[in-house]
PDB file of N, CA and C in Angstrom:
ATOM      1  N   UNK A   1       6.280  -3.293  23.423  1.00  0.00           N
ATOM      2  CA  UNK A   1       6.325  -2.940  22.022  1.00  0.00           C
ATOM      3  C   UNK A   1       7.741  -3.085  21.479  1.00  0.00           C
ATOM      4  N   UNK A   2       8.741  -2.650  22.205  1.00  0.00           N
ATOM      5  CA  UNK A   2      10.107  -2.743  21.686  1.00  0.00           C
ATOM      6  C   UNK A   2      10.534  -4.192  21.509  1.00  0.00           C
ATOM      7  N   UNK A   3      10.007  -5.105  22.351  1.00  0.00           N
ATOM      8  CA  UNK A   3      10.316  -6.525  22.180  1.00  0.00           C
ATOM      9  C   UNK A   3       9.780  -7.041  20.844  1.00  0.00           C
ATOM     10  N   UNK A   4       8.563  -6.629  20.479  1.00  0.00           N
ATOM     11  CA  UNK A   4       7.981  -7.042  19.190  1.00  0.00           C
ATOM     12  C   UNK A   4       8.776  -6.461  18.030  1.00  0.00           C
ATOM     13  N   UNK A   5       9.199  -5.229  18.173  1.00  0.00           N
ATOM     14  CA  UNK A   5       9.995  -4.611  17.105  1.00  0.00           C
ATOM     15  C   UNK A   5      11.300  -5.368  16.905  1.00  0.00           C
ATOM     16  N   UNK A   6      11.962  -5.734  17.993  1.00  0.00           N
ATOM     17  CA  UNK A   6      13.225  -6.465  17.877  1.00  0.00           C
ATOM     18  C   UNK A   6      13.018  -7.869  17.312  1.00  0.00           C
ATOM     19  N   UNK A   7      12.014  -8.567  17.813  1.00  0.00           N
ATOM     20  CA  UNK A   7      11.807  -9.960  17.414  1.00  0.00           C
ATOM     21  C   UNK A   7      11.147 -10.097  16.046  1.00  0.00           C
ATOM     22  N   UNK A   8      10.120  -9.266  15.777  1.00  0.00           N
ATOM     23  CA  UNK A   8       9.297  -9.483  14.595  1.00  0.00           C
ATOM     24  C   UNK A   8       9.284  -8.289  13.644  1.00  0.00           C
ATOM     25  N   UNK A   9       9.952  -7.224  14.002  1.00  0.00           N
ATOM     26  CA  UNK A   9      10.009  -5.991  13.191  1.00  0.00           C
ATOM     27  C   UNK A   9       8.616  -5.421  12.937  1.00  0.00           C
ATOM     28  N   UNK A  10       7.731  -5.580  13.911  1.00  0.00           N
ATOM     29  CA  UNK A  10       6.368  -5.056  13.815  1.00  0.00           C
ATOM     30  C   UNK A  10       5.851  -4.740  15.211  1.00  0.00           C
ATOM     31  N   UNK A  11       4.641  -4.236  15.284  1.00  0.00           N
ATOM     32  CA  UNK A  11       4.042  -3.935  16.581  1.00  0.00           C
ATOM     33  C   UNK A  11       3.899  -2.454  16.837  1.00  0.00           C
ATOM     34  N   UNK A  12       4.203  -1.648  15.863  1.00  0.00           N
ATOM     35  CA  UNK A  12       4.091  -0.193  16.019  1.00  0.00           C
ATOM     36  C   UNK A  12       3.861   0.417  14.645  1.00  0.00           C
ATOM     37  N   UNK A  13       3.548   1.687  14.631  1.00  0.00           N
ATOM     38  CA  UNK A  13       3.452   2.427  13.381  1.00  0.00           C
ATOM     39  C   UNK A  13       4.711   3.264  13.223  1.00  0.00           C
ATOM     40  N   UNK A  14       5.217   3.333  12.010  1.00  0.00           N
ATOM     41  CA  UNK A  14       6.420   4.118  11.750  1.00  0.00           C
ATOM     42  C   UNK A  14       6.124   5.590  12.000  1.00  0.00           C
ATOM     43  N   UNK A  15       7.079   6.272  12.573  1.00  0.00           N
ATOM     44  CA  UNK A  15       6.941   7.704  12.812  1.00  0.00           C
ATOM     45  C   UNK A  15       7.031   8.449  11.486  1.00  0.00           C
ATOM     46  N   UNK A  16       6.530   9.654  11.466  1.00  0.00           N
ATOM     47  CA  UNK A  16       6.542  10.452  10.234  1.00  0.00           C
ATOM     48  C   UNK A  16       7.963  10.873   9.878  1.00  0.00           C
ATOM     49  N   UNK A  17       8.134  11.397   8.703  1.00  0.00           N
ATOM     50  CA  UNK A  17       9.452  11.854   8.249  1.00  0.00           C
ATOM     51  C   UNK A  17      10.000  12.967   9.144  1.00  0.00           C
ATOM     52  N   UNK A  18       9.107  13.696   9.797  1.00  0.00           N
ATOM     53  CA  UNK A  18       9.547  14.771  10.696  1.00  0.00           C
ATOM     54  C   UNK A  18       9.874  14.257  12.087  1.00  0.00           C
ATOM     55  N   UNK A  19       9.643  12.949  12.335  1.00  0.00           N
ATOM     56  CA  UNK A  19       9.948  12.365  13.636  1.00  0.00           C
ATOM     57  C   UNK A  19       8.756  12.300  14.568  1.00  0.00           C
ATOM     58  N   UNK A  20       7.637  12.885  14.165  1.00  0.00           N
ATOM     59  CA  UNK A  20       6.439  12.853  14.997  1.00  0.00           C
ATOM     60  C   UNK A  20       5.708  11.534  14.851  1.00  0.00           C
ATOM     61  N   UNK A  21       4.745  11.286  15.739  1.00  0.00           N
ATOM     62  CA  UNK A  21       3.973  10.049  15.641  1.00  0.00           C
ATOM     63  C   UNK A  21       3.061  10.050  14.420  1.00  0.00           C
ATOM     64  N   UNK A  22       2.636   8.871  13.999  1.00  0.00           N
ATOM     65  CA  UNK A  22       1.683   8.757  12.901  1.00  0.00           C
ATOM     66  C   UNK A  22       0.407   9.462  13.347  1.00  0.00           C
ATOM     67  N   UNK A  23      -0.129  10.301  12.517  1.00  0.00           N
ATOM     68  CA  UNK A  23      -1.280  11.133  12.876  1.00  0.00           C
ATOM     69  C   UNK A  23      -2.590  10.353  12.887  1.00  0.00           C
ATOM     70  N   UNK A  24      -3.557  10.845  13.661  1.00  0.00           N
ATOM     71  CA  UNK A  24      -4.891  10.252  13.704  1.00  0.00           C
ATOM     72  C   UNK A  24      -5.671  10.530  12.426  1.00  0.00           C
ATOM     73  N   UNK A  25      -5.381  11.655  11.796  1.00  0.00           N
ATOM     74  CA  UNK A  25      -6.050  12.031  10.561  1.00  0.00           C
ATOM     75  C   UNK A  25      -5.021  11.969   9.441  1.00  0.00           C
ATOM     76  N   UNK A  26      -5.363  11.262   8.376  1.00  0.00           N
ATOM     77  CA  UNK A  26      -4.450  11.109   7.249  1.00  0.00           C
ATOM     78  C   UNK A  26      -4.916  12.016   6.125  1.00  0.00           C
ATOM     79  N   UNK A  27      -4.060  12.910   5.714  1.00  0.00           N
ATOM     80  CA  UNK A  27      -4.392  13.802   4.611  1.00  0.00           C
ATOM     81  C   UNK A  27      -4.393  12.987   3.327  1.00  0.00           C
ATOM     82  N   UNK A  28      -5.490  13.070   2.603  1.00  0.00           N
ATOM     83  CA  UNK A  28      -5.608  12.310   1.362  1.00  0.00           C
ATOM     84  C   UNK A  28      -6.393  13.128   0.346  1.00  0.00           C
ATOM     85  N   UNK A  29      -6.750  12.487  -0.725  1.00  0.00           N
ATOM     86  CA  UNK A  29      -7.462  13.132  -1.818  1.00  0.00           C
ATOM     87  C   UNK A  29      -8.391  12.118  -2.447  1.00  0.00           C
ATOM     88  N   UNK A  30      -9.242  12.573  -3.325  1.00  0.00           N
ATOM     89  CA  UNK A  30     -10.011  11.639  -4.145  1.00  0.00           C
ATOM     90  C   UNK A  30      -9.029  10.963  -5.097  1.00  0.00           C
ATOM     91  N   UNK A  31      -9.341   9.757  -5.489  1.00  0.00           N
ATOM     92  CA  UNK A  31      -8.466   9.047  -6.417  1.00  0.00           C
ATOM     93  C   UNK A  31      -8.431   9.812  -7.738  1.00  0.00           C
ATOM     94  N   UNK A  32      -7.241  10.235  -8.168  1.00  0.00           N
ATOM     95  CA  UNK A  32      -7.135  11.002  -9.420  1.00  0.00           C
ATOM     96  C   UNK A  32      -7.608  10.198 -10.630  1.00  0.00           C
ATOM     97  N   UNK A  33      -8.125  10.904 -11.603  1.00  0.00           N
ATOM     98  CA  UNK A  33      -8.617  10.262 -12.825  1.00  0.00           C
ATOM     99  C   UNK A  33      -7.515   9.490 -13.546  1.00  0.00           C
ATOM    100  N   UNK A  34      -6.279   9.976 -13.508  1.00  0.00           N
ATOM    101  CA  UNK A  34      -5.198   9.247 -14.188  1.00  0.00           C
ATOM    102  C   UNK A  34      -4.995   7.873 -13.566  1.00  0.00           C
ATOM    103  N   UNK A  35      -5.223   7.736 -12.245  1.00  0.00           N
ATOM    104  CA  UNK A  35      -5.136   6.426 -11.596  1.00  0.00           C
ATOM    105  C   UNK A  35      -6.353   5.583 -11.951  1.00  0.00           C
ATOM    106  N   UNK A  36      -7.520   6.191 -12.000  1.00  0.00           N
ATOM    107  CA  UNK A  36      -8.740   5.469 -12.374  1.00  0.00           C
ATOM    108  C   UNK A  36      -8.645   4.918 -13.797  1.00  0.00           C
ATOM    109  N   UNK A  37      -7.991   5.664 -14.680  1.00  0.00           N
ATOM    110  CA  UNK A  37      -7.836   5.175 -16.055  1.00  0.00           C
ATOM    111  C   UNK A  37      -6.938   3.939 -16.104  1.00  0.00           C
ATOM    112  N   UNK A  38      -6.012   3.813 -15.160  1.00  0.00           N
ATOM    113  CA  UNK A  38      -5.113   2.659 -15.120  1.00  0.00           C
ATOM    114  C   UNK A  38      -5.771   1.433 -14.487  1.00  0.00           C
ATOM    115  N   UNK A  39      -6.674   1.676 -13.546  1.00  0.00           N
ATOM    116  CA  UNK A  39      -7.295   0.575 -12.807  1.00  0.00           C
ATOM    117  C   UNK A  39      -8.725   0.952 -12.458  1.00  0.00           C
ATOM    118  N   UNK A  40      -9.649   0.613 -13.301  1.00  0.00           N
ATOM    119  CA  UNK A  40     -11.048   0.980 -13.090  1.00  0.00           C
ATOM    120  C   UNK A  40     -11.702   0.007 -12.115  1.00  0.00           C
ATOM    121  N   UNK A  41     -11.614   0.339 -10.832  1.00  0.00           N
ATOM    122  CA  UNK A  41     -12.171  -0.485  -9.766  1.00  0.00           C
ATOM    123  C   UNK A  41     -13.056   0.408  -8.905  1.00  0.00           C
ATOM    124  N   UNK A  42     -14.203  -0.073  -8.433  1.00  0.00           N
ATOM    125  CA  UNK A  42     -15.132   0.791  -7.704  1.00  0.00           C
ATOM    126  C   UNK A  42     -14.589   1.365  -6.394  1.00  0.00           C
ATOM    127  N   UNK A  43     -13.616   0.723  -5.773  1.00  0.00           N
ATOM    128  CA  UNK A  43     -13.096   1.263  -4.510  1.00  0.00           C
ATOM    129  C   UNK A  43     -11.583   1.519  -4.579  1.00  0.00           C
ATOM    130  N   UNK A  44     -11.119   1.967  -5.736  1.00  0.00           N
ATOM    131  CA  UNK A  44      -9.698   2.247  -5.918  1.00  0.00           C
ATOM    132  C   UNK A  44      -9.239   3.347  -4.960  1.00  0.00           C
ATOM    133  N   UNK A  45      -8.190   3.060  -4.199  1.00  0.00           N
ATOM    134  CA  UNK A  45      -7.637   4.040  -3.253  1.00  0.00           C
ATOM    135  C   UNK A  45      -6.536   4.829  -3.943  1.00  0.00           C
ATOM    136  N   UNK A  46      -6.396   6.114  -3.582  1.00  0.00           N
ATOM    137  CA  UNK A  46      -5.327   6.910  -4.200  1.00  0.00           C
ATOM    138  C   UNK A  46      -3.950   6.417  -3.768  1.00  0.00           C
ATOM    139  N   UNK A  47      -3.021   6.426  -4.694  1.00  0.00           N
ATOM    140  CA  UNK A  47      -1.660   5.991  -4.399  1.00  0.00           C
ATOM    141  C   UNK A  47      -1.024   6.861  -3.312  1.00  0.00           C
ATOM    142  N   UNK A  48      -1.386   8.134  -3.242  1.00  0.00           N
ATOM    143  CA  UNK A  48      -0.835   9.003  -2.199  1.00  0.00           C
ATOM    144  C   UNK A  48      -1.234   8.512  -0.803  1.00  0.00           C
ATOM    145  N   UNK A  49      -2.435   7.984  -0.636  1.00  0.00           N
ATOM    146  CA  UNK A  49      -2.872   7.425   0.641  1.00  0.00           C
ATOM    147  C   UNK A  49      -2.159   6.111   0.919  1.00  0.00           C
ATOM    148  N   UNK A  50      -2.068   5.252  -0.079  1.00  0.00           N
ATOM    149  CA  UNK A  50      -1.428   3.954   0.122  1.00  0.00           C
ATOM    150  C   UNK A  50       0.045   4.080   0.462  1.00  0.00           C
ATOM    151  N   UNK A  51       0.719   5.074  -0.095  1.00  0.00           N
ATOM    152  CA  UNK A  51       2.127   5.299   0.270  1.00  0.00           C
ATOM    153  C   UNK A  51       2.246   5.514   1.773  1.00  0.00           C
ATOM    154  N   UNK A  52       1.366   6.343   2.324  1.00  0.00           N
ATOM    155  CA  UNK A  52       1.415   6.637   3.754  1.00  0.00           C
ATOM    156  C   UNK A  52       1.098   5.404   4.594  1.00  0.00           C
ATOM    157  N   UNK A  53       0.080   4.648   4.199  1.00  0.00           N
ATOM    158  CA  UNK A  53      -0.325   3.470   4.969  1.00  0.00           C
ATOM    159  C   UNK A  53       0.716   2.359   4.922  1.00  0.00           C
ATOM    160  N   UNK A  54       1.258   2.091   3.741  1.00  0.00           N
ATOM    161  CA  UNK A  54       2.278   1.052   3.619  1.00  0.00           C
ATOM    162  C   UNK A  54       3.530   1.451   4.399  1.00  0.00           C
ATOM    163  N   UNK A  55       3.917   2.687   4.315  1.00  0.00           N
ATOM    164  CA  UNK A  55       5.086   3.165   5.064  1.00  0.00           C
ATOM    165  C   UNK A  55       4.861   3.013   6.571  1.00  0.00           C
ATOM    166  N   UNK A  56       3.707   3.418   7.063  1.00  0.00           N
ATOM    167  CA  UNK A  56       3.412   3.340   8.500  1.00  0.00           C
ATOM    168  C   UNK A  56       3.322   1.902   8.988  1.00  0.00           C
ATOM    169  N   UNK A  57       2.822   1.004   8.145  1.00  0.00           N
ATOM    170  CA  UNK A  57       2.624  -0.386   8.553  1.00  0.00           C
ATOM    171  C   UNK A  57       3.936  -1.145   8.755  1.00  0.00           C
ATOM    172  N   UNK A  58       5.012  -0.623   8.202  1.00  0.00           N
ATOM    173  CA  UNK A  58       6.322  -1.280   8.344  1.00  0.00           C
ATOM    174  C   UNK A  58       7.231  -0.356   9.155  1.00  0.00           C
ATOM    175  N   UNK A  59       7.165  -0.429  10.500  1.00  0.00           N
ATOM    176  CA  UNK A  59       7.846   0.549  11.347  1.00  0.00           C
ATOM    177  C   UNK A  59       9.356   0.611  11.176  1.00  0.00           C
ATOM    178  N   UNK A  60       9.972  -0.469  10.770  1.00  0.00           N
ATOM    179  CA  UNK A  60      11.418  -0.456  10.561  1.00  0.00           C
ATOM    180  C   UNK A  60      11.788  -0.404   9.082  1.00  0.00           C
ATOM    181  N   UNK A  61      10.774  -0.276   8.229  1.00  0.00           N
ATOM    182  CA  UNK A  61      11.029  -0.160   6.797  1.00  0.00           C
ATOM    183  C   UNK A  61      11.316  -1.471   6.096  1.00  0.00           C
ATOM    184  N   UNK A  62      11.048  -2.590   6.761  1.00  0.00           N
ATOM    185  CA  UNK A  62      11.238  -3.901   6.153  1.00  0.00           C
ATOM    186  C   UNK A  62       9.997  -4.743   6.411  1.00  0.00           C
ATOM    187  N   UNK A  63       9.789  -5.752   5.595  1.00  0.00           N
ATOM    188  CA  UNK A  63       8.671  -6.650   5.827  1.00  0.00           C
ATOM    189  C   UNK A  63       7.855  -6.888   4.585  1.00  0.00           C
ATOM    190  N   UNK A  64       6.736  -7.552   4.788  1.00  0.00           N
ATOM    191  CA  UNK A  64       5.827  -7.914   3.704  1.00  0.00           C
ATOM    192  C   UNK A  64       4.465  -7.311   4.002  1.00  0.00           C
ATOM    193  N   UNK A  65       3.872  -6.702   2.997  1.00  0.00           N
ATOM    194  CA  UNK A  65       2.518  -6.168   3.121  1.00  0.00           C
ATOM    195  C   UNK A  65       1.570  -7.203   2.538  1.00  0.00           C
ATOM    196  N   UNK A  66       0.617  -7.675   3.343  1.00  0.00           N
ATOM    197  CA  UNK A  66      -0.363  -8.654   2.881  1.00  0.00           C
ATOM    198  C   UNK A  66      -1.664  -7.932   2.549  1.00  0.00           C
ATOM    199  N   UNK A  67      -2.195  -8.195   1.386  1.00  0.00           N
ATOM    200  CA  UNK A  67      -3.446  -7.588   0.945  1.00  0.00           C
ATOM    201  C   UNK A  67      -4.389  -8.701   0.505  1.00  0.00           C
ATOM    202  N   UNK A  68      -5.241  -9.198   1.427  1.00  0.00           N
ATOM    203  CA  UNK A  68      -6.096 -10.332   1.091  1.00  0.00           C
ATOM    204  C   UNK A  68      -7.273  -9.988   0.178  1.00  0.00           C
ATOM    205  N   UNK A  69      -7.538  -8.711  -0.028  1.00  0.00           N
ATOM    206  CA  UNK A  69      -8.632  -8.281  -0.903  1.00  0.00           C
ATOM    207  C   UNK A  69      -8.069  -7.300  -1.914  1.00  0.00           C
ATOM    208  N   UNK A  70      -7.270  -7.767  -2.857  1.00  0.00           N
ATOM    209  CA  UNK A  70      -6.460  -6.875  -3.681  1.00  0.00           C
ATOM    210  C   UNK A  70      -7.222  -5.997  -4.656  1.00  0.00           C
ATOM    211  N   UNK A  71      -8.411  -6.375  -5.048  1.00  0.00           N
ATOM    212  CA  UNK A  71      -9.162  -5.531  -5.978  1.00  0.00           C
ATOM    213  C   UNK A  71      -8.346  -5.210  -7.217  1.00  0.00           C
ATOM    214  N   UNK A  72      -7.985  -3.957  -7.391  1.00  0.00           N
ATOM    215  CA  UNK A  72      -7.222  -3.528  -8.571  1.00  0.00           C
ATOM    216  C   UNK A  72      -5.724  -3.727  -8.409  1.00  0.00           C
ATOM    217  N   UNK A  73      -5.277  -4.077  -7.216  1.00  0.00           N
ATOM    218  CA  UNK A  73      -3.848  -4.241  -6.981  1.00  0.00           C
ATOM    219  C   UNK A  73      -3.145  -2.967  -6.576  1.00  0.00           C
ATOM    220  N   UNK A  74      -3.885  -1.959  -6.143  1.00  0.00           N
ATOM    221  CA  UNK A  74      -3.260  -0.666  -5.847  1.00  0.00           C
ATOM    222  C   UNK A  74      -2.266  -0.748  -4.686  1.00  0.00           C
ATOM    223  N   UNK A  75      -2.524  -1.588  -3.682  1.00  0.00           N
ATOM    224  CA  UNK A  75      -1.557  -1.747  -2.593  1.00  0.00           C
ATOM    225  C   UNK A  75      -0.319  -2.471  -3.106  1.00  0.00           C
ATOM    226  N   UNK A  76      -0.507  -3.498  -3.898  1.00  0.00           N
ATOM    227  CA  UNK A  76       0.636  -4.200  -4.495  1.00  0.00           C
ATOM    228  C   UNK A  76       1.412  -3.265  -5.408  1.00  0.00           C
ATOM    229  N   UNK A  77       0.727  -2.328  -6.030  1.00  0.00           N
ATOM    230  CA  UNK A  77       1.409  -1.331  -6.862  1.00  0.00           C
ATOM    231  C   UNK A  77       2.391  -0.516  -6.055  1.00  0.00           C
ATOM    232  N   UNK A  78       2.066  -0.244  -4.815  1.00  0.00           N
ATOM    233  CA  UNK A  78       2.983   0.504  -3.947  1.00  0.00           C
ATOM    234  C   UNK A  78       4.234  -0.306  -3.675  1.00  0.00           C
ATOM    235  N   UNK A  79       4.110  -1.602  -3.534  1.00  0.00           N
ATOM    236  CA  UNK A  79       5.307  -2.398  -3.224  1.00  0.00           C
ATOM    237  C   UNK A  79       6.211  -2.535  -4.432  1.00  0.00           C
ATOM    238  N   UNK A  80       5.694  -2.348  -5.627  1.00  0.00           N
ATOM    239  CA  UNK A  80       6.538  -2.446  -6.820  1.00  0.00           C
ATOM    240  C   UNK A  80       7.211  -1.126  -7.145  1.00  0.00           C
ATOM    241  N   UNK A  81       6.817  -0.083  -6.455  1.00  0.00           N
ATOM    242  CA  UNK A  81       7.410   1.228  -6.690  1.00  0.00           C
ATOM    243  C   UNK A  81       8.848   1.241  -6.160  1.00  0.00           C
ATOM    244  N   UNK A  82       9.673   2.183  -6.628  1.00  0.00           N
ATOM    245  CA  UNK A  82      11.050   2.261  -6.127  1.00  0.00           C
ATOM    246  C   UNK A  82      11.087   2.385  -4.605  1.00  0.00           C
ATOM    247  N   UNK A  83      12.021   1.712  -3.988  1.00  0.00           N
ATOM    248  CA  UNK A  83      12.236   1.709  -2.544  1.00  0.00           C
ATOM    249  C   UNK A  83      11.026   1.190  -1.773  1.00  0.00           C
ATOM    250  N   UNK A  84      10.200   0.394  -2.390  1.00  0.00           N
ATOM    251  CA  UNK A  84       9.030  -0.143  -1.710  1.00  0.00           C
ATOM    252  C   UNK A  84       9.351  -1.516  -1.129  1.00  0.00           C
ATOM    253  N   UNK A  85       8.345  -2.180  -0.652  1.00  0.00           N
ATOM    254  CA  UNK A  85       8.514  -3.416   0.087  1.00  0.00           C
ATOM    255  C   UNK A  85       7.828  -4.564  -0.635  1.00  0.00           C
ATOM    256  N   UNK A  86       8.059  -5.774  -0.151  1.00  0.00           N
ATOM    257  CA  UNK A  86       7.409  -6.942  -0.740  1.00  0.00           C
ATOM    258  C   UNK A  86       5.931  -6.948  -0.362  1.00  0.00           C
ATOM    259  N   UNK A  87       5.132  -7.575  -1.207  1.00  0.00           N
ATOM    260  CA  UNK A  87       3.703  -7.673  -0.933  1.00  0.00           C
ATOM    261  C   UNK A  87       3.179  -9.014  -1.397  1.00  0.00           C
ATOM    262  N   UNK A  88       2.114  -9.428  -0.769  1.00  0.00           N
ATOM    263  CA  UNK A  88       1.392 -10.623  -1.161  1.00  0.00           C
ATOM    264  C   UNK A  88      -0.068 -10.217  -1.288  1.00  0.00           C
ATOM    265  N   UNK A  89      -0.685 -10.522  -2.401  1.00  0.00           N
ATOM    266  CA  UNK A  89      -2.069 -10.113  -2.621  1.00  0.00           C
ATOM    267  C   UNK A  89      -2.868 -11.270  -3.199  1.00  0.00           C
ATOM    268  N   UNK A  90      -4.156 -11.285  -2.894  1.00  0.00           N
ATOM    269  CA  UNK A  90      -5.024 -12.322  -3.422  1.00  0.00           C
ATOM    270  C   UNK A  90      -6.436 -11.776  -3.593  1.00  0.00           C
ATOM    271  N   UNK A  91      -7.237 -12.519  -4.337  1.00  0.00           N
ATOM    272  CA  UNK A  91      -8.631 -12.153  -4.545  1.00  0.00           C
ATOM    273  C   UNK A  91      -9.394 -13.402  -4.949  1.00  0.00           C
ATOM    274  N   UNK A  92     -10.666 -13.454  -4.596  1.00  0.00           N
ATOM    275  CA  UNK A  92     -11.499 -14.568  -5.030  1.00  0.00           C
ATOM    276  C   UNK A  92     -12.095 -14.293  -6.407  1.00  0.00           C
ATOM    277  N   UNK A  93     -11.946 -13.072  -6.894  1.00  0.00           N
ATOM    278  CA  UNK A  93     -12.506 -12.690  -8.183  1.00  0.00           C
ATOM    279  C   UNK A  93     -11.461 -12.805  -9.289  1.00  0.00           C
ATOM    280  N   UNK A  94     -11.707 -13.662 -10.241  1.00  0.00           N
ATOM    281  CA  UNK A  94     -10.797 -13.806 -11.378  1.00  0.00           C
ATOM    282  C   UNK A  94     -10.721 -12.509 -12.178  1.00  0.00           C
ATOM    283  N   UNK A  95     -11.821 -11.772 -12.244  1.00  0.00           N
ATOM    284  CA  UNK A  95     -11.822 -10.494 -12.959  1.00  0.00           C
ATOM    285  C   UNK A  95     -10.871  -9.499 -12.304  1.00  0.00           C
ATOM    286  N   UNK A  96     -10.878  -9.454 -10.962  1.00  0.00           N
ATOM    287  CA  UNK A  96      -9.988  -8.517 -10.268  1.00  0.00           C
ATOM    288  C   UNK A  96      -8.530  -8.953 -10.359  1.00  0.00           C
ATOM    289  N   UNK A  97      -8.278 -10.252 -10.392  1.00  0.00           N
ATOM    290  CA  UNK A  97      -6.905 -10.734 -10.578  1.00  0.00           C
ATOM    291  C   UNK A  97      -6.388 -10.282 -11.945  1.00  0.00           C
ATOM    292  N   UNK A  98      -7.219 -10.413 -12.955  1.00  0.00           N
ATOM    293  CA  UNK A  98      -6.842  -9.963 -14.301  1.00  0.00           C
ATOM    294  C   UNK A  98      -6.600  -8.458 -14.313  1.00  0.00           C
ATOM    295  N   UNK A  99      -7.501  -7.695 -13.688  1.00  0.00           N
ATOM    296  CA  UNK A  99      -7.343  -6.244 -13.599  1.00  0.00           C
ATOM    297  C   UNK A  99      -6.033  -5.892 -12.896  1.00  0.00           C
ATOM    298  N   UNK A 100      -5.753  -6.544 -11.780  1.00  0.00           N
ATOM    299  CA  UNK A 100      -4.543  -6.254 -11.014  1.00  0.00           C
ATOM    300  C   UNK A 100      -3.277  -6.573 -11.811  1.00  0.00           C
ATOM    301  N   UNK A 101      -3.278  -7.666 -12.531  1.00  0.00           N
ATOM    302  CA  UNK A 101      -2.093  -8.019 -13.336  1.00  0.00           C
ATOM    303  C   UNK A 101      -1.765  -6.924 -14.344  1.00  0.00           C
ATOM    304  N   UNK A 102      -2.779  -6.292 -14.875  1.00  0.00           N
ATOM    305  CA  UNK A 102      -2.569  -5.211 -15.836  1.00  0.00           C
ATOM    306  C   UNK A 102      -2.253  -3.889 -15.136  1.00  0.00           C
ATOM    307  N   UNK A 103      -2.894  -3.640 -13.996  1.00  0.00           N
ATOM    308  CA  UNK A 103      -2.790  -2.328 -13.345  1.00  0.00           C
ATOM    309  C   UNK A 103      -1.554  -2.144 -12.474  1.00  0.00           C
ATOM    310  N   UNK A 104      -1.113  -3.198 -11.794  1.00  0.00           N
ATOM    311  CA  UNK A 104      -0.009  -3.052 -10.825  1.00  0.00           C
ATOM    312  C   UNK A 104       1.246  -2.435 -11.437  1.00  0.00           C
ATOM    313  N   UNK A 105       1.755  -2.916 -12.568  1.00  0.00           N
ATOM    314  CA  UNK A 105       2.956  -2.290 -13.113  1.00  0.00           C
ATOM    315  C   UNK A 105       2.756  -0.817 -13.471  1.00  0.00           C
ATOM    316  N   UNK A 106       1.554  -0.459 -13.910  1.00  0.00           N
ATOM    317  CA  UNK A 106       1.269   0.919 -14.280  1.00  0.00           C
ATOM    318  C   UNK A 106       1.147   1.814 -13.040  1.00  0.00           C
ATOM    319  N   UNK A 107       0.484   1.305 -11.991  1.00  0.00           N
ATOM    320  CA  UNK A 107       0.340   2.090 -10.762  1.00  0.00           C
ATOM    321  C   UNK A 107       1.679   2.271 -10.058  1.00  0.00           C
ATOM    322  N   UNK A 108       2.572   1.301 -10.196  1.00  0.00           N
ATOM    323  CA  UNK A 108       3.866   1.367  -9.517  1.00  0.00           C
ATOM    324  C   UNK A 108       4.734   2.522  -9.991  1.00  0.00           C
ATOM    325  N   UNK A 109       4.535   2.976 -11.206  1.00  0.00           N
ATOM    326  CA  UNK A 109       5.402   4.046 -11.722  1.00  0.00           C
ATOM    327  C   UNK A 109       4.873   5.445 -11.411  1.00  0.00           C
ATOM    328  N   UNK A 110       3.702   5.532 -10.780  1.00  0.00           N
ATOM    329  CA  UNK A 110       3.163   6.859 -10.440  1.00  0.00           C
ATOM    330  C   UNK A 110       3.940   7.488  -9.306  1.00  0.00           C
TER     331      UNK A 110
END
């Protein structure tokens, strides 16, 4: 694992802010209505959950988050937030691409 971290900056989950390992259970919530008003998508994930997942996915705090099924763009919204990371997102749905273009800047400021 340490070889992958050195060579590719990946291969592990980032430890929590307290120094403990990433937990098996992630504390989350239902997607708040204020987020739903910004991006009305049937499977919109709460930004509080995405913050934890994006942070854990980049064990050294650098890298690119790829989201091949962007939907509303909520994961890309996390990368546009302050101190966030780069992201690449795509969708086969033109409607969701349009939704994401409108929603990402708004979700990023939450």
